[in-house]
């Protein structure tokens, strides 16, 4: 039996597929024959999608003539070479699914060796309408080819949708390049390595996410940050300070909140950003009301310096969950990064202003174990405050210059560790739906908002220190850190001659598109994100390039006193690396990955093997 070759091509819409199926073949074919086939596939998996994670597919197909076939496809990964594939398919006659799975067919036996059939349930259904075109390439005696124009309708519960693809089947060794090129001339039609079950799972997962996002957006709330002369309005109530919020979405909802709390005073209103929803909390739109001056003054309003508020967020009087969510948006906006001299640091002024704005707390005469959560210190803020002490040494003019650079590096390493361990833990708990409170009474989402606010403030402070003080101070001592555009031509030629070949020899560009998932970038490894485009193409393609660890992070110039970051040379050489492509943009980024590892002792017998 001759071996066959199959190529799948993804089609972006049903209209394009209908036009291709009804029109002429991509290339002239002899002995054309067309027919229509329909069938329905029911895919099974466990509640935890164990088969899908193993790369296994269990499918019961209902044919249009009443036949049913059971198929199981298992792929076993190998270190060297492509995965081993175990596939079994047979016609079944049993009346119900349970009897089919416990029957004596080859796929049923393979299934029982893989999983207990009693644990299986319907994962999704896929209805296929296949329009088949058969013919011969190059004349009556040429090799045969089959083009199947498939419309796939995927269903799971209330979710449903359509996928479209073209399946090209021919004998192995037959050239189908002209067919592929002709189909690729159609907009959005391209080869895909994903088979229908994988595409169906991805489609349903995305549909579920979109549905959840739609539900969250439908229940949005708005927060209004009244801002004037560097101060924001916070409202007193129940021993705390809050940013005013209300139900709804859009400018009209923001103005209703403004009218209710500040008598409608406020000149310009604009959207500052959105804090995404979390379990039990809808998304929060944060609107900025500039130059809000209520006349007469509104009772119960405290106008506090924005920088003081951001420095003291998380204290007992400033931890309302909606206020934290709103301030997280403020912190990542341009409003939240005022250009203040970094030597001011955290001098306690913010805490004093906050205490004056709040009523005196009631006296407490309780055992330590009965203290309210708001009277306990936040462990993560304590850790961040400790790290800020390292930053203070880097800011101090009394510290020797190179020691200041070293302290700043230590601060950065401490921040990496904090986000890899502590922040990753809260993200894991949030994604798992956990609602466990911290010792001081914050939910995982509130804790992440709090860390986001304080972390951005501290990071901005460290970046200003490096940019405005340390780099100029190093330059005064003859140590220059230069960008590519600041180099003389002979310095550029030196770097190209001495390092370009070594750099390009160890680079591995990693593409990402619909058929390639986002590439794996190693933890804390700087990388270049670039968008390249064919000269005649409309859309660009994303690619990521890790900076090679085999080369120094900063490349020395001939005088030994000037240094150029490795990414500057790499970006400058990208046009040569992607010869024939147009470089649209390039940016440096770095991923911080979770260092939290949970070992299942029932599955892992050797920790070293797990690592």
Protein backbone atom coordinates (compact mmCIF):
# COMPACT_ATOMS: atom_id res chain seq x y z
CA UNK A 1 0.00 0.00 0.00
CA UNK A 2 1.47 3.33 -1.07
CA UNK A 3 2.27 5.76 1.72
CA UNK A 4 0.40 9.05 1.64
CA UNK A 5 1.32 12.59 2.55
CA UNK A 6 -1.14 15.05 4.12
CA UNK A 7 -0.81 18.83 4.39
CA UNK A 8 -3.30 20.94 6.34
CA UNK A 9 -3.97 24.57 5.52
CA UNK A 10 -5.85 26.90 7.83
CA UNK A 11 -8.53 29.11 6.23
CA UNK A 12 -9.56 32.30 8.05
CA UNK A 13 -13.27 32.40 7.14
CA UNK A 14 -16.13 30.35 5.75
CA UNK A 15 -16.59 32.78 2.86
CA UNK A 16 -13.07 32.15 1.58
CA UNK A 17 -13.46 28.37 1.97
CA UNK A 18 -16.81 28.39 0.10
CA UNK A 19 -15.31 30.38 -2.75
CA UNK A 20 -12.31 28.05 -3.04
CA UNK A 21 -14.47 24.91 -2.86
CA UNK A 22 -16.90 26.12 -5.52
CA UNK A 23 -14.27 27.53 -7.89
CA UNK A 24 -11.63 26.01 -10.09
CA UNK A 25 -8.87 23.85 -8.53
CA UNK A 26 -5.71 25.69 -7.38
CA UNK A 27 -3.95 24.16 -10.42
CA UNK A 28 -5.43 22.39 -13.46
CA UNK A 29 -6.40 18.78 -12.69
CA UNK A 30 -7.42 15.95 -14.99
CA UNK A 31 -10.30 13.56 -14.27
CA UNK A 32 -11.96 15.88 -11.73
CA UNK A 33 -14.50 14.31 -9.37
CA UNK A 34 -16.40 16.02 -6.56
CA UNK A 35 -18.52 14.68 -3.71
CA UNK A 36 -19.87 15.72 -0.30
CA UNK A 37 -19.28 13.81 2.95
CA UNK A 38 -20.59 14.66 6.41
CA UNK A 39 -19.76 13.04 9.76
CA UNK A 40 -19.80 13.84 13.47
CA UNK A 41 -16.94 13.20 15.89
CA UNK A 42 -17.41 12.90 19.66
CA UNK A 43 -14.14 13.40 21.55
CA UNK A 44 -13.66 12.04 25.07
CA UNK A 45 -11.34 12.97 27.93
CA UNK A 46 -11.18 12.92 31.72
CA UNK A 47 -12.42 15.81 33.86
CA UNK A 48 -8.82 16.97 34.29
CA UNK A 49 -7.99 16.71 30.55
CA UNK A 50 -5.38 14.03 31.26
CA UNK A 51 -5.54 12.59 27.74
CA UNK A 52 -5.13 16.00 26.15
CA UNK A 53 -2.05 16.71 28.26
CA UNK A 54 -0.57 13.36 27.19
CA UNK A 55 -1.17 14.18 23.52
CA UNK A 56 -3.79 11.40 23.22
CA UNK A 57 -7.03 11.63 21.23
CA UNK A 58 -10.07 9.38 21.78
CA UNK A 59 -12.75 9.85 19.11
CA UNK A 60 -16.03 8.11 18.23
CA UNK A 61 -17.06 8.98 14.66
CA UNK A 62 -20.67 8.77 13.44
CA UNK A 63 -20.71 8.32 9.64
CA UNK A 64 -23.52 9.40 7.34
CA UNK A 65 -24.33 5.76 6.45
CA UNK A 66 -24.91 4.83 10.11
CA UNK A 67 -21.53 3.23 10.80
CA UNK A 68 -19.51 4.14 13.86
CA UNK A 69 -15.75 3.92 14.26
CA UNK A 70 -13.64 4.24 17.41
CA UNK A 71 -10.18 5.76 17.07
CA UNK A 72 -7.41 6.33 19.60
CA UNK A 73 -4.21 8.17 18.74
CA UNK A 74 -1.33 8.33 21.25
CA UNK A 75 1.96 10.12 20.70
CA UNK A 76 4.95 9.14 22.79
CA UNK A 77 7.65 11.85 22.93
CA UNK A 78 11.28 10.88 22.31
CA UNK A 79 14.45 12.75 23.14
CA UNK A 80 15.89 12.12 19.69
CA UNK A 81 13.62 12.34 16.68
CA UNK A 82 9.90 12.78 16.20
CA UNK A 83 7.43 11.24 18.68
CA UNK A 84 6.33 7.64 18.32
CA UNK A 85 2.71 7.41 17.23
CA UNK A 86 0.34 4.61 18.30
CA UNK A 87 -2.92 4.77 16.34
CA UNK A 88 -5.76 2.27 16.25
CA UNK A 89 -9.14 2.59 14.52
CA UNK A 90 -11.93 0.07 14.09
CA UNK A 91 -15.63 -0.11 13.30
CA UNK A 92 -17.76 -0.82 16.38
CA UNK A 93 -21.25 -2.26 16.69
CA UNK A 94 -22.01 -1.92 20.41
CA UNK A 95 -25.13 0.09 21.23
CA UNK A 96 -23.80 2.49 23.86
CA UNK A 97 -20.54 4.24 24.62
CA UNK A 98 -19.72 2.29 27.77
CA UNK A 99 -20.06 -0.99 25.86
CA UNK A 100 -17.84 0.34 23.07
CA UNK A 101 -15.07 1.26 25.54
CA UNK A 102 -15.23 -2.15 27.24
CA UNK A 103 -15.45 -4.05 23.94
CA UNK A 104 -12.80 -6.20 22.31
CA UNK A 105 -11.77 -3.85 19.46
CA UNK A 106 -8.10 -2.89 19.19
CA UNK A 107 -8.67 0.83 20.00
CA UNK A 108 -10.81 -0.15 23.02
CA UNK A 109 -8.01 -2.37 24.37
CA UNK A 110 -5.45 0.41 23.83
CA UNK A 111 -7.79 2.88 25.56
CA UNK A 112 -8.17 0.67 28.64
CA UNK A 113 -4.38 0.38 28.88
CA UNK A 114 -4.18 4.17 28.94
CA UNK A 115 -7.05 5.21 31.23
CA UNK A 116 -10.04 3.77 33.07
CA UNK A 117 -12.95 4.28 30.61
CA UNK A 118 -15.31 4.96 33.54
CA UNK A 119 -13.49 8.26 34.06
CA UNK A 120 -14.13 9.49 30.52
CA UNK A 121 -16.72 12.06 29.57
CA UNK A 122 -17.56 13.98 26.41
CA UNK A 123 -14.93 16.71 25.94
CA UNK A 124 -16.47 18.27 22.81
CA UNK A 125 -18.23 17.37 19.57
CA UNK A 126 -17.11 18.33 16.08
CA UNK A 127 -19.37 18.18 13.03
CA UNK A 128 -17.58 18.12 9.66
CA UNK A 129 -18.96 19.01 6.26
CA UNK A 130 -16.28 17.87 3.78
CA UNK A 131 -16.37 18.88 0.13
CA UNK A 132 -13.94 16.59 -1.67
CA UNK A 133 -12.23 17.33 -4.99
CA UNK A 134 -10.19 14.54 -6.59
CA UNK A 135 -8.11 14.67 -9.74
CA UNK A 136 -4.76 13.97 -11.33
CA UNK A 137 -1.82 16.34 -11.57
CA UNK A 138 -0.38 16.90 -15.05
CA UNK A 139 -2.83 14.76 -17.06
CA UNK A 140 -4.72 11.46 -17.11
CA UNK A 141 -1.59 9.43 -16.17
CA UNK A 142 -0.38 11.84 -13.49
CA UNK A 143 -0.38 11.21 -9.72
CA UNK A 144 -3.68 11.54 -7.92
CA UNK A 145 -4.46 14.26 -5.41
CA UNK A 146 -7.41 14.90 -3.08
CA UNK A 147 -8.40 18.30 -1.70
CA UNK A 148 -10.89 18.23 1.18
CA UNK A 149 -12.54 21.58 1.97
CA UNK A 150 -13.68 21.12 5.58
CA UNK A 151 -16.12 23.20 7.60
CA UNK A 152 -15.74 22.13 11.25
CA UNK A 153 -18.47 23.06 13.75
CA UNK A 154 -17.21 22.67 17.32
CA UNK A 155 -19.62 22.35 20.27
CA UNK A 156 -19.26 22.03 24.03
CA UNK A 157 -22.21 22.93 26.21
CA UNK A 158 -23.36 26.45 25.32
CA UNK A 159 -20.15 27.15 23.39
CA UNK A 160 -20.01 26.63 19.63
CA UNK A 161 -18.14 27.99 16.65
CA UNK A 162 -16.66 27.11 13.29
CA UNK A 163 -13.18 26.37 11.98
CA UNK A 164 -12.17 26.01 8.34
CA UNK A 165 -9.31 24.13 6.72
CA UNK A 166 -8.15 22.45 3.52
CA UNK A 167 -6.62 18.97 3.72
CA UNK A 168 -4.37 18.01 0.77
CA UNK A 169 -3.71 14.25 0.41
CA UNK A 170 -1.46 12.63 -2.20
CA UNK A 171 1.04 9.84 -2.58
CA UNK A 172 4.36 10.37 -0.83
CA UNK A 173 6.91 11.91 -3.19
CA UNK A 174 4.33 13.79 -5.28
CA UNK A 175 5.15 17.49 -5.67
CA UNK A 176 2.29 19.64 -4.37
CA UNK A 177 4.28 22.88 -4.06
CA UNK A 178 2.27 24.62 -6.85
CA UNK A 179 -1.00 23.76 -5.06
CA UNK A 180 0.27 25.13 -1.74
CA UNK A 181 1.60 28.32 -3.33
CA UNK A 182 -1.67 28.91 -5.18
CA UNK A 183 -3.68 28.52 -1.97
CA UNK A 184 -1.30 30.74 0.00
CA UNK A 185 -2.03 33.54 -2.45
CA UNK A 186 -5.45 33.74 -0.79
CA UNK A 187 -5.47 36.15 2.19
CA UNK A 188 -4.94 34.36 5.50
CA UNK A 189 -4.62 30.84 4.05
CA UNK A 190 -1.48 29.15 5.41
CA UNK A 191 -0.07 25.80 6.41
CA UNK A 192 -0.84 24.69 9.96
CA UNK A 193 0.75 21.92 12.00
CA UNK A 194 -2.20 21.76 14.41
CA UNK A 195 -4.67 18.96 13.79
CA UNK A 196 -8.43 19.59 14.20
CA UNK A 197 -8.73 18.25 17.80
CA UNK A 198 -5.96 20.57 18.97
CA UNK A 199 -7.46 23.54 17.12
CA UNK A 200 -10.89 22.72 18.55
CA UNK A 201 -9.53 22.63 22.12
CA UNK A 202 -7.72 25.93 21.63
CA UNK A 203 -10.86 27.50 20.14
CA UNK A 204 -13.05 26.37 23.07
CA UNK A 205 -10.52 27.53 25.67
CA UNK A 206 -10.32 30.93 24.01
CA UNK A 207 -14.13 31.11 23.76
CA UNK A 208 -14.43 30.39 27.49
CA UNK A 209 -11.93 33.14 28.30
CA UNK A 210 -13.73 35.61 26.03
CA UNK A 211 -17.03 34.68 27.67
CA UNK A 212 -15.64 35.23 31.15
CA UNK A 213 -14.13 38.55 30.09
CA UNK A 214 -17.50 39.59 28.64
CA UNK A 215 -19.25 38.74 31.92
CA UNK A 216 -16.67 40.71 33.91
CA UNK A 217 -16.94 43.72 31.61
CA UNK A 218 -20.73 43.62 31.85
CA UNK A 219 -20.40 44.16 35.61
CA UNK A 220 -17.80 46.93 35.49
CA UNK A 221 -17.35 49.62 38.08
CA UNK A 222 -15.78 53.05 37.83
CA UNK A 223 -13.44 54.86 40.21
CA UNK A 224 -12.87 58.62 39.94
CA UNK A 225 -9.53 60.10 40.98
CA UNK A 226 -10.05 63.82 41.56
CA UNK A 227 -6.68 65.48 40.96
CA UNK A 228 -5.41 69.04 41.34
CA UNK A 229 -1.96 70.51 41.97
CA UNK A 230 -0.36 67.13 42.68
CA UNK A 231 -3.03 66.07 45.19
CA UNK A 232 -5.89 63.59 45.01
CA UNK A 233 -9.18 63.50 46.90
CA UNK A 234 -9.75 60.67 49.39
CA UNK A 235 -13.00 60.31 51.30
CA UNK A 236 -13.13 59.44 55.00
CA UNK A 237 -15.40 56.72 56.23
CA UNK A 238 -15.32 53.80 58.70
CA UNK A 239 -11.80 54.66 59.78
CA UNK A 240 -10.38 54.49 56.26
CA UNK A 241 -9.68 56.67 53.23
CA UNK A 242 -11.26 55.70 49.91
CA UNK A 243 -11.33 56.75 46.28
CA UNK A 244 -14.99 57.19 45.25
CA UNK A 245 -16.43 54.41 43.11
CA UNK A 246 -19.75 53.49 41.51
CA UNK A 247 -21.43 50.98 39.22
CA UNK A 248 -21.36 51.27 35.43
CA UNK A 249 -18.89 51.96 32.67
CA UNK A 250 -17.81 54.92 30.59
CA UNK A 251 -17.59 58.68 31.08
CA UNK A 252 -21.28 59.03 31.98
CA UNK A 253 -20.86 56.64 34.94
CA UNK A 254 -17.70 58.48 36.03
CA UNK A 255 -19.51 61.83 35.97
CA UNK A 256 -22.34 60.37 38.08
CA UNK A 257 -19.80 59.43 40.75
CA UNK A 258 -18.20 62.85 40.47
CA UNK A 259 -21.58 64.57 40.82
CA UNK A 260 -22.53 62.48 43.86
CA UNK A 261 -19.25 62.88 45.77
CA UNK A 262 -17.85 66.25 44.61
CA UNK A 263 -21.02 68.05 43.51
CA UNK A 264 -20.06 67.62 39.86
CA UNK A 265 -16.97 69.81 40.19
CA UNK A 266 -14.12 68.90 37.86
CA UNK A 267 -13.04 70.25 34.51
CA UNK A 268 -11.63 67.48 32.33
CA UNK A 269 -12.49 63.81 32.73
CA UNK A 270 -10.43 61.16 30.95
CA UNK A 271 -9.90 57.40 31.25
CA UNK A 272 -6.65 56.64 33.05
CA UNK A 273 -6.74 52.84 32.71
CA UNK A 274 -8.49 49.66 33.81
CA UNK A 275 -7.75 47.20 36.59
CA UNK A 276 -8.83 43.74 35.33
CA UNK A 277 -11.51 41.89 37.19
CA UNK A 278 -10.79 39.06 39.62
CA UNK A 279 -12.96 36.38 41.24
CA UNK A 280 -15.61 38.26 43.19
CA UNK A 281 -14.61 41.64 41.81
CA UNK A 282 -15.54 43.19 38.45
CA UNK A 283 -13.13 45.14 36.31
CA UNK A 284 -12.58 48.68 37.53
CA UNK A 285 -12.30 51.62 35.13
CA UNK A 286 -10.24 54.43 36.64
CA UNK A 287 -11.13 57.93 35.46
CA UNK A 288 -9.14 61.08 36.16
CA UNK A 289 -11.02 64.29 37.02
CA UNK A 290 -8.52 67.13 36.69
CA UNK A 291 -8.76 70.49 38.45
CA UNK A 292 -11.67 69.36 40.63
CA UNK A 293 -12.34 72.21 43.08
CA UNK A 294 -15.67 71.79 44.92
CA UNK A 295 -17.31 75.01 46.07
CA UNK A 296 -18.14 75.07 48.91
CA UNK A 297 -15.60 72.49 50.18
CA UNK A 298 -17.09 69.02 50.58
CA UNK A 299 -17.06 67.64 54.12
CA UNK A 300 -15.14 64.42 54.70
CA UNK A 301 -12.65 64.93 51.85
CA UNK A 302 -8.88 64.85 52.41
CA UNK A 303 -6.66 66.26 49.67
CA UNK A 304 -3.36 64.40 49.99
CA UNK A 305 -0.19 64.50 47.92
CA UNK A 306 -0.24 61.68 45.37
CA UNK A 307 3.34 60.74 46.17
CA UNK A 308 2.49 60.52 49.90
CA UNK A 309 -0.52 58.32 49.18
CA UNK A 310 1.51 55.94 47.01
CA UNK A 311 4.21 55.73 49.68
CA UNK A 312 1.75 54.82 52.46
CA UNK A 313 -0.62 52.56 50.55
CA UNK A 314 -1.33 49.35 52.44
CA UNK A 315 -1.34 50.99 55.86
CA UNK A 316 -4.35 50.47 58.14
CA UNK A 317 -6.27 53.44 56.75
CA UNK A 318 -5.47 52.90 53.06
CA UNK A 319 -6.32 49.32 52.09
CA UNK A 320 -9.87 49.36 50.73
CA UNK A 321 -9.90 46.84 47.83
CA UNK A 322 -11.38 49.21 45.24
CA UNK A 323 -9.01 51.97 46.33
CA UNK A 324 -6.03 49.62 45.98
CA UNK A 325 -7.22 48.60 42.51
CA UNK A 326 -7.60 52.25 41.47
CA UNK A 327 -4.21 53.27 42.86
CA UNK A 328 -2.59 50.34 41.01
CA UNK A 329 -3.80 51.90 37.75
CA UNK A 330 -2.59 55.34 38.90
CA UNK A 331 0.85 53.91 39.75
CA UNK A 332 1.38 52.49 36.24
CA UNK A 333 0.23 55.68 34.52
CA UNK A 334 2.30 58.79 33.88
CA UNK A 335 0.42 60.38 36.77
CA UNK A 336 1.97 57.89 39.18
CA UNK A 337 5.62 58.62 38.33
CA UNK A 338 6.28 62.22 39.38
CA UNK A 339 9.83 63.36 38.77
CA UNK A 340 10.99 63.77 42.35
CA UNK A 341 14.60 63.79 43.55
CA UNK A 342 15.37 60.24 44.58
CA UNK A 343 17.22 61.36 47.71
CA UNK A 344 13.90 62.28 49.31
CA UNK A 345 13.23 58.57 49.71
CA UNK A 346 10.59 57.56 52.18
CA UNK A 347 10.91 60.10 54.97
CA UNK A 348 7.66 59.43 56.81
CA UNK A 349 5.86 62.56 55.60
CA UNK A 350 3.27 60.43 53.84
CA UNK A 351 2.49 58.48 57.00
CA UNK A 352 2.11 61.69 59.02
CA UNK A 353 -0.29 63.18 56.45
CA UNK A 354 -2.33 60.00 56.45
CA UNK A 355 -2.61 59.97 60.24
CA UNK A 356 -3.81 63.59 60.23
CA UNK A 357 -6.44 62.81 57.58
CA UNK A 358 -7.95 59.92 59.55
CA UNK A 359 -9.91 60.04 62.81
CA UNK A 360 -8.17 58.67 65.89
CA UNK A 361 -8.56 54.88 66.04
CA UNK A 362 -10.38 53.39 69.03
CA UNK A 363 -8.20 52.03 71.78
CA UNK A 364 -7.81 48.28 71.80
CA UNK A 365 -7.40 46.09 74.86
CA UNK A 366 -7.29 42.67 73.23
CA UNK A 367 -4.98 39.64 73.34
CA UNK A 368 -2.46 39.55 70.51
CA UNK A 369 -4.30 36.71 68.75
CA UNK A 370 -7.49 38.82 68.60
CA UNK A 371 -5.92 41.87 67.01
CA UNK A 372 -7.80 43.03 63.89
CA UNK A 373 -5.88 42.25 60.67
CA UNK A 374 -5.42 45.94 59.86
CA UNK A 375 -3.21 46.34 62.96
CA UNK A 376 -0.67 43.79 61.75
CA UNK A 377 2.27 44.51 59.44
CA UNK A 378 2.11 43.33 55.85
CA UNK A 379 4.89 40.79 55.32
CA UNK A 380 5.43 41.66 51.65
CA UNK A 381 5.64 45.40 52.31
CA UNK A 382 8.12 44.69 55.09
CA UNK A 383 10.27 42.73 52.64
CA UNK A 384 10.06 45.54 50.08
CA UNK A 385 10.92 48.14 52.73
CA UNK A 386 14.01 46.12 53.68
CA UNK A 387 15.11 46.05 50.04
CA UNK A 388 14.62 49.81 49.86
CA UNK A 389 17.30 50.19 52.53
CA UNK A 390 19.75 48.75 50.00
CA UNK A 391 18.56 51.37 47.54
CA UNK A 392 19.23 54.08 50.14
CA UNK A 393 22.91 53.04 50.23
CA UNK A 394 23.02 53.34 46.44
CA UNK A 395 21.50 56.82 46.65
CA UNK A 396 23.88 58.06 49.33
CA UNK A 397 26.62 60.38 48.07
CA UNK A 398 28.79 59.19 50.96
CA UNK A 399 29.00 55.69 49.46
CA UNK A 400 31.89 55.22 46.96
CA UNK A 401 30.68 55.39 43.38
CA UNK A 402 31.35 51.79 42.31
CA UNK A 403 29.89 50.55 45.60
CA UNK A 404 26.72 52.51 44.77
CA UNK A 405 26.53 50.66 41.45
CA UNK A 406 27.02 47.37 43.28
CA UNK A 407 24.26 48.21 45.78
CA UNK A 408 21.92 49.04 42.92
CA UNK A 409 22.72 45.66 41.35
CA UNK A 410 22.02 43.94 44.69
CA UNK A 411 18.69 45.74 44.87
CA UNK A 412 17.78 44.48 41.39
CA UNK A 413 18.70 40.90 42.31
CA UNK A 414 16.57 41.13 45.46
CA UNK A 415 13.62 42.37 43.40
CA UNK A 416 13.99 39.46 40.98
CA UNK A 417 13.94 36.99 43.87
CA UNK A 418 10.91 38.70 45.41
CA UNK A 419 8.84 38.47 42.23
CA UNK A 420 10.00 34.92 41.40
CA UNK A 421 8.94 33.61 44.82
CA UNK A 422 6.53 35.82 46.75
CA UNK A 423 4.63 37.43 43.85
CA UNK A 424 4.55 34.12 41.95
CA UNK A 425 2.93 32.49 44.97
CA UNK A 426 0.11 35.04 45.06
CA UNK A 427 -0.41 34.70 41.30
CA UNK A 428 -0.62 30.91 41.61
CA UNK A 429 -3.16 31.21 44.41
CA UNK A 430 -5.22 33.75 42.44
CA UNK A 431 -5.25 31.60 39.30
CA UNK A 432 -6.39 28.62 41.38
CA UNK A 433 -9.30 30.63 42.77
CA UNK A 434 -7.83 30.79 46.28
CA UNK A 435 -9.21 33.37 48.71
CA UNK A 436 -6.93 32.83 51.69
CA UNK A 437 -6.20 36.10 53.47
CA UNK A 438 -2.78 37.33 54.50
CA UNK A 439 -2.07 37.89 58.19
CA UNK A 440 -3.07 41.53 57.80
CA UNK A 441 -6.33 40.64 56.03
CA UNK A 442 -5.66 41.07 52.28
CA UNK A 443 -6.89 38.78 49.50
CA UNK A 444 -4.39 37.60 46.86
CA UNK A 445 -5.68 40.19 44.36
CA UNK A 446 -5.48 43.02 46.90
CA UNK A 447 -1.95 41.94 47.83
CA UNK A 448 -0.91 41.96 44.14
CA UNK A 449 -2.43 45.41 43.66
CA UNK A 450 -0.55 46.64 46.70
CA UNK A 451 2.75 45.15 45.48
CA UNK A 452 2.13 46.66 42.03
CA UNK A 453 1.73 50.14 43.49
CA UNK A 454 4.76 50.06 45.78
CA UNK A 455 6.89 48.09 43.34
CA UNK A 456 6.38 50.58 40.50
CA UNK A 457 7.23 53.48 42.80
CA UNK A 458 10.44 51.81 43.95
CA UNK A 459 11.42 50.73 40.44
CA UNK A 460 10.89 54.26 39.13
CA UNK A 461 13.08 55.53 41.94
CA UNK A 462 15.86 53.05 41.06
CA UNK A 463 15.67 53.85 37.34
CA UNK A 464 15.93 57.59 38.00
CA UNK A 465 18.95 56.94 40.23
CA UNK A 466 20.71 55.02 37.46
CA UNK A 467 19.71 57.35 34.63
CA UNK A 468 20.11 60.74 36.29
CA UNK A 469 22.89 60.24 38.81
CA UNK A 470 24.97 57.08 38.50
CA UNK A 471 25.58 57.05 34.73
CA UNK A 472 26.55 60.76 34.68
CA UNK A 473 28.79 60.22 37.73
CA UNK A 474 30.53 57.29 36.02
CA UNK A 475 31.01 59.43 32.91
CA UNK A 476 32.72 62.10 35.01
CA UNK A 477 35.18 59.42 36.14
CA UNK A 478 35.82 58.39 32.53
CA UNK A 479 33.60 55.29 32.49
CA UNK A 480 31.15 55.79 29.62
CA UNK A 481 28.03 53.74 28.95
CA UNK A 482 27.05 54.54 25.37
CA UNK A 483 24.22 53.86 22.96
CA UNK A 484 24.87 52.90 19.34
CA UNK A 485 23.80 56.32 18.08
CA UNK A 486 26.38 58.00 20.33
CA UNK A 487 29.34 56.12 18.83
CA UNK A 488 31.79 57.44 16.30
CA UNK A 489 32.00 55.51 13.03
CA UNK A 490 35.38 53.97 13.88
CA UNK A 491 33.96 52.71 17.20
CA UNK A 492 31.02 51.11 15.37
CA UNK A 493 33.44 49.48 12.93
CA UNK A 494 35.49 48.15 15.84
CA UNK A 495 32.49 46.48 17.47
CA UNK A 496 31.31 44.99 14.20
CA UNK A 497 34.78 43.66 13.37
CA UNK A 498 35.46 42.18 16.82
CA UNK A 499 32.06 41.00 18.07
CA UNK A 500 29.44 40.85 15.28
CA UNK A 501 30.54 37.45 13.94
CA UNK A 502 30.59 35.91 17.43
CA UNK A 503 27.16 37.38 18.24
CA UNK A 504 25.47 36.22 15.04
CA UNK A 505 26.99 32.74 15.32
CA UNK A 506 25.12 31.98 18.57
CA UNK A 507 21.81 33.73 17.83
CA UNK A 508 18.63 31.71 17.37
CA UNK A 509 15.65 33.83 16.27
CA UNK A 510 12.38 32.34 17.57
CA UNK A 511 9.20 33.02 15.60
CA UNK A 512 5.70 33.36 17.06
CA UNK A 513 2.49 33.26 15.02
CA UNK A 514 -0.77 31.35 14.80
CA UNK A 515 1.07 28.10 14.09
CA UNK A 516 3.98 28.72 16.50
CA UNK A 517 3.31 29.40 20.20
CA UNK A 518 5.16 32.19 21.97
CA UNK A 519 8.78 31.00 22.22
CA UNK A 520 10.24 29.91 25.52
CA UNK A 521 12.50 32.67 26.84
CA UNK A 522 14.69 31.65 29.74
CA UNK A 523 14.24 33.22 33.14
CA UNK A 524 15.90 36.63 33.61
CA UNK A 525 17.56 36.37 30.20
CA UNK A 526 17.38 39.70 28.28
CA UNK A 527 15.92 39.29 24.80
CA UNK A 528 15.05 41.37 21.76
CA UNK A 529 11.44 41.48 20.53
CA UNK A 530 11.43 42.39 16.84
CA UNK A 531 8.74 42.74 14.18
CA UNK A 532 9.90 42.00 10.62
CA UNK A 533 7.96 42.13 7.39
CA UNK A 534 8.37 40.93 3.83
CA UNK A 535 8.69 43.91 1.46
CA UNK A 536 5.30 43.24 -0.20
CA UNK A 537 3.46 41.84 2.86
CA UNK A 538 0.81 43.75 4.78
CA UNK A 539 1.43 42.20 8.19
CA UNK A 540 4.63 41.84 10.15
CA UNK A 541 5.88 38.76 11.98
CA UNK A 542 7.03 38.68 15.60
CA UNK A 543 10.36 37.13 16.49
CA UNK A 544 12.28 36.94 19.75
CA UNK A 545 16.05 36.71 20.08
CA UNK A 546 17.73 35.89 23.40
CA UNK A 547 20.95 37.72 24.16
CA UNK A 548 23.68 35.04 24.13
CA UNK A 549 25.07 34.25 27.54
CA UNK A 550 28.45 33.35 26.04
CA UNK A 551 29.32 37.03 25.39
CA UNK A 552 29.85 39.90 27.82
CA UNK A 553 26.77 41.96 28.71
CA UNK A 554 28.69 45.17 27.94
CA UNK A 555 31.12 45.30 25.02
CA UNK A 556 34.33 47.29 25.62
CA UNK A 557 35.54 49.96 23.21
CA UNK A 558 39.22 50.20 22.20
CA UNK A 559 40.07 52.73 24.94
CA UNK A 560 38.84 50.33 27.64
CA UNK A 561 36.81 53.15 29.25
CA UNK A 562 33.72 53.03 27.05
CA UNK A 563 31.15 50.25 27.03
CA UNK A 564 28.18 49.47 24.79
CA UNK A 565 25.30 47.21 25.88
CA UNK A 566 25.23 43.98 23.87
CA UNK A 567 21.64 44.64 22.73
CA UNK A 568 22.72 47.88 21.04
CA UNK A 569 25.02 45.95 18.69
CA UNK A 570 22.38 43.27 18.17
CA UNK A 571 19.64 45.73 17.21
CA UNK A 572 22.02 47.55 14.88
CA UNK A 573 22.81 44.26 13.12
CA UNK A 574 19.21 43.03 12.80
CA UNK A 575 18.81 44.28 9.18
CA UNK A 576 21.79 42.10 8.19
CA UNK A 577 20.51 39.17 10.28
CA UNK A 578 17.09 39.33 8.58
CA UNK A 579 18.40 39.98 5.10
CA UNK A 580 15.59 40.62 2.64
CA UNK A 581 13.11 41.54 5.37
CA UNK A 582 12.08 44.96 6.59
CA UNK A 583 12.69 45.64 10.29
CA UNK A 584 9.66 47.51 11.64
CA UNK A 585 10.55 47.72 15.36
CA UNK A 586 12.79 46.20 18.00
CA UNK A 587 12.69 46.43 21.80
CA UNK A 588 14.52 44.89 24.74
CA UNK A 589 12.52 42.82 27.25
CA UNK A 590 13.10 40.30 30.00
CA UNK A 591 10.85 37.65 31.55
CA UNK A 592 10.76 36.90 35.25
CA UNK A 593 9.46 33.37 35.69
CA UNK A 594 7.96 31.75 38.75
CA UNK A 595 10.41 29.86 40.94
CA UNK A 596 7.61 28.13 42.83
CA UNK A 597 7.78 24.36 42.32
CA UNK A 598 5.24 21.95 43.75
CA UNK A 599 6.17 18.27 43.79
CA UNK A 600 3.49 15.61 43.75
CA UNK A 601 5.04 12.92 45.93
CA UNK A 602 2.69 10.31 44.49
CA UNK A 603 4.11 10.90 41.00
CA UNK A 604 7.68 11.96 41.69
CA UNK A 605 10.02 9.58 43.38
CA UNK A 606 13.23 11.48 42.76
CA UNK A 607 13.53 15.23 43.27
CA UNK A 608 16.61 15.43 41.05
CA UNK A 609 14.69 13.73 38.24
CA UNK A 610 11.84 16.23 38.67
CA UNK A 611 14.26 19.17 38.47
